[in-house]
Amino acid sequence: MRSYLIDEISPRDIKKIGKFLKKNALSSSLDRIFWIQIPEELLTEEQLQHKECRPYICALELGSDWLKLEFLVRSSRNMMCTCSGYCTAKQRNFVIEYANRMIEELGVRT
């Protein structure tokens, strides 16, 4: 899996990130997995055509001292559809910038 990993995060900052994600990301059925929604203007042509598969999301996993963002764009409704796939460059930049903005906004030290 291609992903973006940020590690060596203090327990205090992990708690801040967890609170932020509970307010600003989509929750999953797993405690430490969150979904980041990809904006419509960044969707591929196929993803735009598959309205029934929206929203499109990327996973963010929060560990004990790390956070990992996957570079796989998934349909939130149909995991086996052909419209799911690795991020385009613009989608990947969005995911990285999401993490970087969150870290900066929260004052997390890495």
PDB file of N, CA and C in Angstrom:
ATOM      1  N   MET A   1       0.850  -1.187   0.000  1.00  0.00           N
ATOM      2  CA  MET A   1       0.000   0.000   0.000  1.00  0.00           C
ATOM      3  C   MET A   1       0.884   1.233   0.000  1.00  0.00           C
ATOM      4  N   ARG A   2       0.586   2.163  -0.826  1.00  0.00           N
ATOM      5  CA  ARG A   2       1.285   3.445  -0.838  1.00  0.00           C
ATOM      6  C   ARG A   2       0.631   4.334   0.215  1.00  0.00           C
ATOM      7  N   SER A   3       1.470   4.995   1.001  1.00  0.00           N
ATOM      8  CA  SER A   3       0.916   5.813   2.078  1.00  0.00           C
ATOM      9  C   SER A   3       1.889   6.912   2.486  1.00  0.00           C
ATOM     10  N   TYR A   4       1.376   7.827   3.308  1.00  0.00           N
ATOM     11  CA  TYR A   4       2.133   8.928   3.873  1.00  0.00           C
ATOM     12  C   TYR A   4       2.143   8.713   5.378  1.00  0.00           C
ATOM     13  N   LEU A   5       3.326   8.542   5.958  1.00  0.00           N
ATOM     14  CA  LEU A   5       3.461   8.244   7.382  1.00  0.00           C
ATOM     15  C   LEU A   5       4.125   9.414   8.100  1.00  0.00           C
ATOM     16  N   ILE A   6       3.537   9.791   9.209  1.00  0.00           N
ATOM     17  CA  ILE A   6       4.124  10.794  10.100  1.00  0.00           C
ATOM     18  C   ILE A   6       4.269  10.105  11.447  1.00  0.00           C
ATOM     19  N   ASP A   7       5.501  10.002  11.937  1.00  0.00           N
ATOM     20  CA  ASP A   7       5.712   9.262  13.182  1.00  0.00           C
ATOM     21  C   ASP A   7       6.400  10.125  14.234  1.00  0.00           C
ATOM     22  N   GLU A   8       6.694   9.499  15.347  1.00  0.00           N
ATOM     23  CA  GLU A   8       7.320  10.155  16.499  1.00  0.00           C
ATOM     24  C   GLU A   8       6.456  11.308  17.015  1.00  0.00           C
ATOM     25  N   ILE A   9       5.162  11.035  17.122  1.00  0.00           N
ATOM     26  CA  ILE A   9       4.207  12.022  17.640  1.00  0.00           C
ATOM     27  C   ILE A   9       3.964  11.714  19.118  1.00  0.00           C
ATOM     28  N   SER A  10       3.981  12.716  19.939  1.00  0.00           N
ATOM     29  CA  SER A  10       3.802  12.519  21.383  1.00  0.00           C
ATOM     30  C   SER A  10       2.376  12.043  21.685  1.00  0.00           C
ATOM     31  N   PRO A  11       2.198  11.336  22.815  1.00  0.00           N
ATOM     32  CA  PRO A  11       0.843  10.901  23.203  1.00  0.00           C
ATOM     33  C   PRO A  11      -0.132  12.076  23.344  1.00  0.00           C
ATOM     34  N   ARG A  12       0.344  13.194  23.848  1.00  0.00           N
ATOM     35  CA  ARG A  12      -0.495  14.384  23.999  1.00  0.00           C
ATOM     36  C   ARG A  12      -0.976  14.878  22.635  1.00  0.00           C
ATOM     37  N   ASP A  13      -0.072  14.888  21.657  1.00  0.00           N
ATOM     38  CA  ASP A  13      -0.438  15.348  20.322  1.00  0.00           C
ATOM     39  C   ASP A  13      -1.326  14.330  19.595  1.00  0.00           C
ATOM     40  N   ILE A  14      -1.133  13.045  19.860  1.00  0.00           N
ATOM     41  CA  ILE A  14      -2.010  12.014  19.280  1.00  0.00           C
ATOM     42  C   ILE A  14      -3.446  12.249  19.754  1.00  0.00           C
ATOM     43  N   LYS A  15      -3.608  12.606  21.026  1.00  0.00           N
ATOM     44  CA  LYS A  15      -4.949  12.897  21.549  1.00  0.00           C
ATOM     45  C   LYS A  15      -5.564  14.101  20.840  1.00  0.00           C
ATOM     46  N   LYS A  16      -4.750  15.136  20.615  1.00  0.00           N
ATOM     47  CA  LYS A  16      -5.249  16.322  19.911  1.00  0.00           C
ATOM     48  C   LYS A  16      -5.682  15.962  18.491  1.00  0.00           C
ATOM     49  N   ILE A  17      -4.887  15.146  17.829  1.00  0.00           N
ATOM     50  CA  ILE A  17      -5.216  14.726  16.463  1.00  0.00           C
ATOM     51  C   ILE A  17      -6.508  13.908  16.463  1.00  0.00           C
ATOM     52  N   GLY A  18      -6.653  13.003  17.431  1.00  0.00           N
ATOM     53  CA  GLY A  18      -7.865  12.198  17.534  1.00  0.00           C
ATOM     54  C   GLY A  18      -9.110  13.059  17.693  1.00  0.00           C
ATOM     55  N   LYS A  19      -9.040  14.058  18.547  1.00  0.00           N
ATOM     56  CA  LYS A  19     -10.179  14.976  18.737  1.00  0.00           C
ATOM     57  C   LYS A  19     -10.481  15.742  17.457  1.00  0.00           C
ATOM     58  N   PHE A  20      -9.439  16.198  16.792  1.00  0.00           N
ATOM     59  CA  PHE A  20      -9.609  16.925  15.538  1.00  0.00           C
ATOM     60  C   PHE A  20     -10.308  16.047  14.500  1.00  0.00           C
ATOM     61  N   LEU A  21      -9.854  14.802  14.385  1.00  0.00           N
ATOM     62  CA  LEU A  21     -10.421  13.907  13.372  1.00  0.00           C
ATOM     63  C   LEU A  21     -11.874  13.552  13.679  1.00  0.00           C
ATOM     64  N   LYS A  22     -12.204  13.415  14.944  1.00  0.00           N
ATOM     65  CA  LYS A  22     -13.596  13.122  15.308  1.00  0.00           C
ATOM     66  C   LYS A  22     -14.525  14.250  14.886  1.00  0.00           C
ATOM     67  N   LYS A  23     -14.001  15.469  14.851  1.00  0.00           N
ATOM     68  CA  LYS A  23     -14.813  16.621  14.453  1.00  0.00           C
ATOM     69  C   LYS A  23     -14.758  16.891  12.953  1.00  0.00           C
ATOM     70  N   ASN A  24     -13.641  16.563  12.300  1.00  0.00           N
ATOM     71  CA  ASN A  24     -13.408  17.032  10.934  1.00  0.00           C
ATOM     72  C   ASN A  24     -13.273  15.961   9.862  1.00  0.00           C
ATOM     73  N   ALA A  25     -13.279  14.713  10.238  1.00  0.00           N
ATOM     74  CA  ALA A  25     -13.177  13.628   9.258  1.00  0.00           C
ATOM     75  C   ALA A  25     -14.386  12.708   9.439  1.00  0.00           C
ATOM     76  N   LEU A  26     -14.546  11.787   8.520  1.00  0.00           N
ATOM     77  CA  LEU A  26     -15.630  10.818   8.629  1.00  0.00           C
ATOM     78  C   LEU A  26     -15.167   9.662   9.511  1.00  0.00           C
ATOM     79  N   SER A  27     -15.987   9.242  10.434  1.00  0.00           N
ATOM     80  CA  SER A  27     -15.640   8.119  11.310  1.00  0.00           C
ATOM     81  C   SER A  27     -15.877   6.807  10.581  1.00  0.00           C
ATOM     82  N   SER A  28     -15.131   5.804  10.958  1.00  0.00           N
ATOM     83  CA  SER A  28     -15.333   4.456  10.431  1.00  0.00           C
ATOM     84  C   SER A  28     -15.851   3.581  11.567  1.00  0.00           C
ATOM     85  N   SER A  29     -16.073   2.323  11.278  1.00  0.00           N
ATOM     86  CA  SER A  29     -16.522   1.398  12.319  1.00  0.00           C
ATOM     87  C   SER A  29     -15.375   0.998  13.249  1.00  0.00           C
ATOM     88  N   LEU A  30     -14.154   1.326  12.873  1.00  0.00           N
ATOM     89  CA  LEU A  30     -12.980   1.048  13.705  1.00  0.00           C
ATOM     90  C   LEU A  30     -12.553   2.329  14.411  1.00  0.00           C
ATOM     91  N   ASP A  31     -12.173   2.194  15.670  1.00  0.00           N
ATOM     92  CA  ASP A  31     -11.853   3.338  16.529  1.00  0.00           C
ATOM     93  C   ASP A  31     -10.832   4.316  15.966  1.00  0.00           C
ATOM     94  N   ARG A  32      -9.756   3.826  15.411  1.00  0.00           N
ATOM     95  CA  ARG A  32      -8.642   4.694  15.048  1.00  0.00           C
ATOM     96  C   ARG A  32      -8.475   4.836  13.530  1.00  0.00           C
ATOM     97  N   ILE A  33      -9.542   4.526  12.809  1.00  0.00           N
ATOM     98  CA  ILE A  33      -9.550   4.705  11.356  1.00  0.00           C
ATOM     99  C   ILE A  33     -10.571   5.789  11.021  1.00  0.00           C
ATOM    100  N   PHE A  34     -10.133   6.731  10.226  1.00  0.00           N
ATOM    101  CA  PHE A  34     -10.991   7.823   9.793  1.00  0.00           C
ATOM    102  C   PHE A  34     -10.929   7.905   8.273  1.00  0.00           C
ATOM    103  N   TRP A  35     -11.907   8.570   7.702  1.00  0.00           N
ATOM    104  CA  TRP A  35     -11.965   8.739   6.254  1.00  0.00           C
ATOM    105  C   TRP A  35     -11.890  10.225   5.924  1.00  0.00           C
ATOM    106  N   ILE A  36     -11.060  10.545   4.959  1.00  0.00           N
ATOM    107  CA  ILE A  36     -10.959  11.906   4.436  1.00  0.00           C
ATOM    108  C   ILE A  36     -11.654  11.907   3.083  1.00  0.00           C
ATOM    109  N   GLN A  37     -12.609  12.783   2.926  1.00  0.00           N
ATOM    110  CA  GLN A  37     -13.354  12.842   1.674  1.00  0.00           C
ATOM    111  C   GLN A  37     -12.578  13.633   0.623  1.00  0.00           C
ATOM    112  N   ILE A  38     -12.499  13.073  -0.567  1.00  0.00           N
ATOM    113  CA  ILE A  38     -11.828  13.736  -1.679  1.00  0.00           C
ATOM    114  C   ILE A  38     -12.814  14.721  -2.320  1.00  0.00           C
ATOM    115  N   PRO A  39     -12.434  15.985  -2.475  1.00  0.00           N
ATOM    116  CA  PRO A  39     -13.341  16.971  -3.075  1.00  0.00           C
ATOM    117  C   PRO A  39     -13.701  16.601  -4.520  1.00  0.00           C
ATOM    118  N   GLU A  40     -14.913  16.946  -4.910  1.00  0.00           N
ATOM    119  CA  GLU A  40     -15.415  16.608  -6.240  1.00  0.00           C
ATOM    120  C   GLU A  40     -14.506  17.123  -7.354  1.00  0.00           C
ATOM    121  N   GLU A  41     -13.953  18.309  -7.170  1.00  0.00           N
ATOM    122  CA  GLU A  41     -13.113  18.882  -8.238  1.00  0.00           C
ATOM    123  C   GLU A  41     -11.810  18.118  -8.447  1.00  0.00           C
ATOM    124  N   LEU A  42     -11.484  17.198  -7.554  1.00  0.00           N
ATOM    125  CA  LEU A  42     -10.264  16.394  -7.697  1.00  0.00           C
ATOM    126  C   LEU A  42     -10.545  14.978  -8.196  1.00  0.00           C
ATOM    127  N   LEU A  43     -11.796  14.647  -8.419  1.00  0.00           N
ATOM    128  CA  LEU A  43     -12.140  13.296  -8.859  1.00  0.00           C
ATOM    129  C   LEU A  43     -11.705  13.070 -10.307  1.00  0.00           C
ATOM    130  N   THR A  44     -11.409  11.808 -10.612  1.00  0.00           N
ATOM    131  CA  THR A  44     -11.070  11.436 -11.989  1.00  0.00           C
ATOM    132  C   THR A  44     -12.343  11.429 -12.824  1.00  0.00           C
ATOM    133  N   GLU A  45     -12.184  11.328 -14.116  1.00  0.00           N
ATOM    134  CA  GLU A  45     -13.345  11.276 -15.021  1.00  0.00           C
ATOM    135  C   GLU A  45     -14.248  10.096 -14.672  1.00  0.00           C
ATOM    136  N   GLU A  46     -13.651   8.938 -14.406  1.00  0.00           N
ATOM    137  CA  GLU A  46     -14.448   7.760 -14.049  1.00  0.00           C
ATOM    138  C   GLU A  46     -15.178   7.970 -12.721  1.00  0.00           C
ATOM    139  N   GLN A  47     -14.502   8.540 -11.742  1.00  0.00           N
ATOM    140  CA  GLN A  47     -15.132   8.794 -10.447  1.00  0.00           C
ATOM    141  C   GLN A  47     -16.291   9.783 -10.584  1.00  0.00           C
ATOM    142  N   LEU A  48     -16.133  10.775 -11.429  1.00  0.00           N
ATOM    143  CA  LEU A  48     -17.216  11.733 -11.671  1.00  0.00           C
ATOM    144  C   LEU A  48     -18.431  11.054 -12.294  1.00  0.00           C
ATOM    145  N   GLN A  49     -18.187  10.098 -13.158  1.00  0.00           N
ATOM    146  CA  GLN A  49     -19.277   9.388 -13.820  1.00  0.00           C
ATOM    147  C   GLN A  49     -20.001   8.425 -12.880  1.00  0.00           C
ATOM    148  N   HIS A  50     -19.317   7.935 -11.862  1.00  0.00           N
ATOM    149  CA  HIS A  50     -19.887   6.962 -10.929  1.00  0.00           C
ATOM    150  C   HIS A  50     -20.518   7.674  -9.729  1.00  0.00           C
ATOM    151  N   LYS A  51     -21.575   8.397  -9.966  1.00  0.00           N
ATOM    152  CA  LYS A  51     -22.246   9.159  -8.899  1.00  0.00           C
ATOM    153  C   LYS A  51     -22.732   8.251  -7.766  1.00  0.00           C
ATOM    154  N   GLU A  52     -23.103   7.026  -8.098  1.00  0.00           N
ATOM    155  CA  GLU A  52     -23.610   6.091  -7.091  1.00  0.00           C
ATOM    156  C   GLU A  52     -22.510   5.590  -6.147  1.00  0.00           C
ATOM    157  N   CYS A  53     -21.272   5.810  -6.493  1.00  0.00           N
ATOM    158  CA  CYS A  53     -20.151   5.357  -5.653  1.00  0.00           C
ATOM    159  C   CYS A  53     -19.649   6.432  -4.695  1.00  0.00           C
ATOM    160  N   ARG A  54     -20.169   7.631  -4.796  1.00  0.00           N
ATOM    161  CA  ARG A  54     -19.712   8.735  -3.956  1.00  0.00           C
ATOM    162  C   ARG A  54     -20.217   8.606  -2.536  1.00  0.00           C
ATOM    163  N   PRO A  55     -19.558   9.212  -1.579  1.00  0.00           N
ATOM    164  CA  PRO A  55     -18.334   9.998  -1.700  1.00  0.00           C
ATOM    165  C   PRO A  55     -17.101   9.098  -1.817  1.00  0.00           C
ATOM    166  N   TYR A  56     -16.037   9.681  -2.338  1.00  0.00           N
ATOM    167  CA  TYR A  56     -14.756   8.987  -2.446  1.00  0.00           C
ATOM    168  C   TYR A  56     -13.900   9.400  -1.258  1.00  0.00           C
ATOM    169  N   ILE A  57     -13.200   8.440  -0.719  1.00  0.00           N
ATOM    170  CA  ILE A  57     -12.498   8.654   0.552  1.00  0.00           C
ATOM    171  C   ILE A  57     -11.103   8.037   0.531  1.00  0.00           C
ATOM    172  N   CYS A  58     -10.255   8.538   1.412  1.00  0.00           N
ATOM    173  CA  CYS A  58      -8.946   7.941   1.705  1.00  0.00           C
ATOM    174  C   CYS A  58      -8.901   7.657   3.199  1.00  0.00           C
ATOM    175  N   ALA A  59      -8.235   6.579   3.552  1.00  0.00           N
ATOM    176  CA  ALA A  59      -8.155   6.182   4.957  1.00  0.00           C
ATOM    177  C   ALA A  59      -7.026   6.909   5.668  1.00  0.00           C
ATOM    178  N   LEU A  60      -7.301   7.259   6.926  1.00  0.00           N
ATOM    179  CA  LEU A  60      -6.302   7.808   7.824  1.00  0.00           C
ATOM    180  C   LEU A  60      -6.339   6.941   9.076  1.00  0.00           C
ATOM    181  N   GLU A  61      -5.201   6.354   9.409  1.00  0.00           N
ATOM    182  CA  GLU A  61      -5.105   5.502  10.597  1.00  0.00           C
ATOM    183  C   GLU A  61      -4.259   6.206  11.642  1.00  0.00           C
ATOM    184  N   LEU A  62      -4.754   6.214  12.866  1.00  0.00           N
ATOM    185  CA  LEU A  62      -4.065   6.862  13.977  1.00  0.00           C
ATOM    186  C   LEU A  62      -3.491   5.789  14.888  1.00  0.00           C
ATOM    187  N   GLY A  63      -2.163   5.763  15.011  1.00  0.00           N
ATOM    188  CA  GLY A  63      -1.498   4.794  15.874  1.00  0.00           C
ATOM    189  C   GLY A  63      -1.140   5.396  17.221  1.00  0.00           C
ATOM    190  N   SER A  64      -0.343   4.682  17.988  1.00  0.00           N
ATOM    191  CA  SER A  64       0.032   5.154  19.321  1.00  0.00           C
ATOM    192  C   SER A  64       0.952   6.370  19.271  1.00  0.00           C
ATOM    193  N   ASP A  65       1.803   6.457  18.232  1.00  0.00           N
ATOM    194  CA  ASP A  65       2.686   7.616  18.078  1.00  0.00           C
ATOM    195  C   ASP A  65       2.894   7.975  16.603  1.00  0.00           C
ATOM    196  N   TRP A  66       1.929   7.634  15.778  1.00  0.00           N
ATOM    197  CA  TRP A  66       2.029   7.889  14.340  1.00  0.00           C
ATOM    198  C   TRP A  66       0.642   8.046  13.718  1.00  0.00           C
ATOM    199  N   LEU A  67       0.654   8.615  12.525  1.00  0.00           N
ATOM    200  CA  LEU A  67      -0.555   8.636  11.724  1.00  0.00           C
ATOM    201  C   LEU A  67      -0.161   8.296  10.300  1.00  0.00           C
ATOM    202  N   LYS A  68      -1.038   7.549   9.639  1.00  0.00           N
ATOM    203  CA  LYS A  68      -0.765   7.089   8.280  1.00  0.00           C
ATOM    204  C   LYS A  68      -1.969   7.400   7.408  1.00  0.00           C
ATOM    205  N   LEU A  69      -1.702   8.015   6.270  1.00  0.00           N
ATOM    206  CA  LEU A  69      -2.734   8.305   5.285  1.00  0.00           C
ATOM    207  C   LEU A  69      -2.462   7.457   4.054  1.00  0.00           C
ATOM    208  N   GLU A  70      -3.451   6.699   3.655  1.00  0.00           N
ATOM    209  CA  GLU A  70      -3.288   5.845   2.482  1.00  0.00           C
ATOM    210  C   GLU A  70      -3.530   6.651   1.218  1.00  0.00           C
ATOM    211  N   PHE A  71      -2.801   6.298   0.173  1.00  0.00           N
ATOM    212  CA  PHE A  71      -2.952   6.937  -1.126  1.00  0.00           C
ATOM    213  C   PHE A  71      -3.876   6.124  -2.035  1.00  0.00           C
ATOM    214  N   LEU A  72      -4.865   5.482  -1.450  1.00  0.00           N
ATOM    215  CA  LEU A  72      -5.856   4.737  -2.209  1.00  0.00           C
ATOM    216  C   LEU A  72      -7.193   5.461  -2.070  1.00  0.00           C
ATOM    217  N   VAL A  73      -7.745   5.874  -3.191  1.00  0.00           N
ATOM    218  CA  VAL A  73      -9.059   6.516  -3.200  1.00  0.00           C
ATOM    219  C   VAL A  73     -10.091   5.413  -3.381  1.00  0.00           C
ATOM    220  N   ARG A  74     -11.019   5.344  -2.433  1.00  0.00           N
ATOM    221  CA  ARG A  74     -12.035   4.297  -2.433  1.00  0.00           C
ATOM    222  C   ARG A  74     -13.421   4.903  -2.563  1.00  0.00           C
ATOM    223  N   SER A  75     -14.297   4.115  -3.138  1.00  0.00           N
ATOM    224  CA  SER A  75     -15.702   4.449  -3.089  1.00  0.00           C
ATOM    225  C   SER A  75     -16.183   4.095  -1.691  1.00  0.00           C
ATOM    226  N   SER A  76     -16.964   4.959  -1.091  1.00  0.00           N
ATOM    227  CA  SER A  76     -17.488   4.650   0.247  1.00  0.00           C
ATOM    228  C   SER A  76     -18.683   3.705   0.174  1.00  0.00           C
ATOM    229  N   ARG A  77     -19.171   3.435  -1.026  1.00  0.00           N
ATOM    230  CA  ARG A  77     -20.361   2.605  -1.183  1.00  0.00           C
ATOM    231  C   ARG A  77     -20.107   1.271  -1.863  1.00  0.00           C
ATOM    232  N   ASN A  78     -19.046   1.185  -2.669  1.00  0.00           N
ATOM    233  CA  ASN A  78     -18.793  -0.036  -3.426  1.00  0.00           C
ATOM    234  C   ASN A  78     -17.280  -0.246  -3.533  1.00  0.00           C
ATOM    235  N   MET A  79     -16.730  -0.988  -2.594  1.00  0.00           N
ATOM    236  CA  MET A  79     -15.275  -1.166  -2.518  1.00  0.00           C
ATOM    237  C   MET A  79     -14.689  -1.929  -3.712  1.00  0.00           C
ATOM    238  N   MET A  80     -15.511  -2.643  -4.458  1.00  0.00           N
ATOM    239  CA  MET A  80     -15.009  -3.469  -5.553  1.00  0.00           C
ATOM    240  C   MET A  80     -15.155  -2.795  -6.925  1.00  0.00           C
ATOM    241  N   CYS A  81     -15.585  -1.562  -6.962  1.00  0.00           N
ATOM    242  CA  CYS A  81     -15.813  -0.884  -8.233  1.00  0.00           C
ATOM    243  C   CYS A  81     -14.482  -0.485  -8.882  1.00  0.00           C
ATOM    244  N   THR A  82     -14.484  -0.391 -10.192  1.00  0.00           N
ATOM    245  CA  THR A  82     -13.285  -0.002 -10.935  1.00  0.00           C
ATOM    246  C   THR A  82     -12.899   1.457 -10.723  1.00  0.00           C
ATOM    247  N   CYS A  83     -13.782   2.243 -10.135  1.00  0.00           N
ATOM    248  CA  CYS A  83     -13.478   3.661  -9.920  1.00  0.00           C
ATOM    249  C   CYS A  83     -12.544   3.883  -8.728  1.00  0.00           C
ATOM    250  N   SER A  84     -12.316   2.858  -7.925  1.00  0.00           N
ATOM    251  CA  SER A  84     -11.347   2.957  -6.824  1.00  0.00           C
ATOM    252  C   SER A  84      -9.953   2.724  -7.384  1.00  0.00           C
ATOM    253  N   GLY A  85      -8.971   3.420  -6.834  1.00  0.00           N
ATOM    254  CA  GLY A  85      -7.597   3.232  -7.289  1.00  0.00           C
ATOM    255  C   GLY A  85      -6.657   4.177  -6.563  1.00  0.00           C
ATOM    256  N   TYR A  86      -5.383   4.058  -6.885  1.00  0.00           N
ATOM    257  CA  TYR A  86      -4.413   4.944  -6.251  1.00  0.00           C
ATOM    258  C   TYR A  86      -4.656   6.401  -6.653  1.00  0.00           C
ATOM    259  N   CYS A  87      -4.294   7.290  -5.771  1.00  0.00           N
ATOM    260  CA  CYS A  87      -4.493   8.727  -5.972  1.00  0.00           C
ATOM    261  C   CYS A  87      -3.809   9.219  -7.247  1.00  0.00           C
ATOM    262  N   THR A  88      -4.468  10.175  -7.868  1.00  0.00           N
ATOM    263  CA  THR A  88      -3.787  10.961  -8.897  1.00  0.00           C
ATOM    264  C   THR A  88      -2.833  11.906  -8.154  1.00  0.00           C
ATOM    265  N   ALA A  89      -2.010  12.604  -8.884  1.00  0.00           N
ATOM    266  CA  ALA A  89      -1.081  13.549  -8.244  1.00  0.00           C
ATOM    267  C   ALA A  89      -1.845  14.614  -7.450  1.00  0.00           C
ATOM    268  N   LYS A  90      -2.929  15.124  -8.005  1.00  0.00           N
ATOM    269  CA  LYS A  90      -3.707  16.161  -7.308  1.00  0.00           C
ATOM    270  C   LYS A  90      -4.380  15.598  -6.060  1.00  0.00           C
ATOM    271  N   GLN A  91      -4.891  14.392  -6.134  1.00  0.00           N
ATOM    272  CA  GLN A  91      -5.510  13.758  -4.963  1.00  0.00           C
ATOM    273  C   GLN A  91      -4.469  13.486  -3.892  1.00  0.00           C
ATOM    274  N   ARG A  92      -3.303  13.003  -4.310  1.00  0.00           N
ATOM    275  CA  ARG A  92      -2.216  12.734  -3.355  1.00  0.00           C
ATOM    276  C   ARG A  92      -1.786  14.017  -2.654  1.00  0.00           C
ATOM    277  N   ASN A  93      -1.660  15.104  -3.415  1.00  0.00           N
ATOM    278  CA  ASN A  93      -1.284  16.388  -2.815  1.00  0.00           C
ATOM    279  C   ASN A  93      -2.338  16.856  -1.826  1.00  0.00           C
ATOM    280  N   PHE A  94      -3.614  16.637  -2.139  1.00  0.00           N
ATOM    281  CA  PHE A  94      -4.688  17.010  -1.226  1.00  0.00           C
ATOM    282  C   PHE A  94      -4.553  16.259   0.098  1.00  0.00           C
ATOM    283  N   VAL A  95      -4.287  14.953   0.035  1.00  0.00           N
ATOM    284  CA  VAL A  95      -4.159  14.129   1.242  1.00  0.00           C
ATOM    285  C   VAL A  95      -2.971  14.601   2.086  1.00  0.00           C
ATOM    286  N   ILE A  96      -1.842  14.844   1.440  1.00  0.00           N
ATOM    287  CA  ILE A  96      -0.649  15.315   2.159  1.00  0.00           C
ATOM    288  C   ILE A  96      -0.906  16.688   2.773  1.00  0.00           C
ATOM    289  N   GLU A  97      -1.520  17.574   2.018  1.00  0.00           N
ATOM    290  CA  GLU A  97      -1.809  18.914   2.533  1.00  0.00           C
ATOM    291  C   GLU A  97      -2.818  18.868   3.677  1.00  0.00           C
ATOM    292  N   TYR A  98      -3.775  17.950   3.621  1.00  0.00           N
ATOM    293  CA  TYR A  98      -4.723  17.778   4.724  1.00  0.00           C
ATOM    294  C   TYR A  98      -3.949  17.486   6.011  1.00  0.00           C
ATOM    295  N   ALA A  99      -3.033  16.531   5.944  1.00  0.00           N
ATOM    296  CA  ALA A  99      -2.237  16.171   7.127  1.00  0.00           C
ATOM    297  C   ALA A  99      -1.367  17.335   7.582  1.00  0.00           C
ATOM    298  N   ASN A 100      -0.711  17.986   6.658  1.00  0.00           N
ATOM    299  CA  ASN A 100       0.171  19.093   7.016  1.00  0.00           C
ATOM    300  C   ASN A 100      -0.588  20.268   7.630  1.00  0.00           C
ATOM    301  N   ARG A 101      -1.767  20.597   7.080  1.00  0.00           N
ATOM    302  CA  ARG A 101      -2.582  21.677   7.654  1.00  0.00           C
ATOM    303  C   ARG A 101      -3.051  21.314   9.054  1.00  0.00           C
ATOM    304  N   MET A 102      -3.471  20.064   9.230  1.00  0.00           N
ATOM    305  CA  MET A 102      -3.936  19.615  10.545  1.00  0.00           C
ATOM    306  C   MET A 102      -2.804  19.742  11.569  1.00  0.00           C
ATOM    307  N   ILE A 103      -1.636  19.280  11.229  1.00  0.00           N
ATOM    308  CA  ILE A 103      -0.484  19.336  12.130  1.00  0.00           C
ATOM    309  C   ILE A 103      -0.137  20.777  12.476  1.00  0.00           C
ATOM    310  N   GLU A 104      -0.150  21.629  11.484  1.00  0.00           N
ATOM    311  CA  GLU A 104       0.170  23.045  11.719  1.00  0.00           C
ATOM    312  C   GLU A 104      -0.909  23.702  12.584  1.00  0.00           C
ATOM    313  N   GLU A 105      -2.176  23.453  12.264  1.00  0.00           N
ATOM    314  CA  GLU A 105      -3.287  24.048  13.011  1.00  0.00           C
ATOM    315  C   GLU A 105      -3.274  23.624  14.478  1.00  0.00           C
ATOM    316  N   LEU A 106      -2.911  22.368  14.735  1.00  0.00           N
ATOM    317  CA  LEU A 106      -2.918  21.847  16.100  1.00  0.00           C
ATOM    318  C   LEU A 106      -1.614  22.116  16.843  1.00  0.00           C
ATOM    319  N   GLY A 107      -0.593  22.585  16.139  1.00  0.00           N
ATOM    320  CA  GLY A 107       0.697  22.827  16.781  1.00  0.00           C
ATOM    321  C   GLY A 107       1.404  21.538  17.170  1.00  0.00           C
ATOM    322  N   VAL A 108       1.196  20.495  16.383  1.00  0.00           N
ATOM    323  CA  VAL A 108       1.813  19.190  16.660  1.00  0.00           C
ATOM    324  C   VAL A 108       3.282  19.250  16.274  1.00  0.00           C
ATOM    325  N   ARG A 109       4.129  18.715  17.166  1.00  0.00           N
ATOM    326  CA  ARG A 109       5.565  18.645  16.883  1.00  0.00           C
ATOM    327  C   ARG A 109       5.891  17.291  16.298  1.00  0.00           C
ATOM    328  N   THR A 110       6.607  17.299  15.178  1.00  0.00           N
ATOM    329  CA  THR A 110       7.034  16.052  14.540  1.00  0.00           C
ATOM    330  C   THR A 110       8.514  16.099  14.259  1.00  0.00           C
TER     331      THR A 110
END
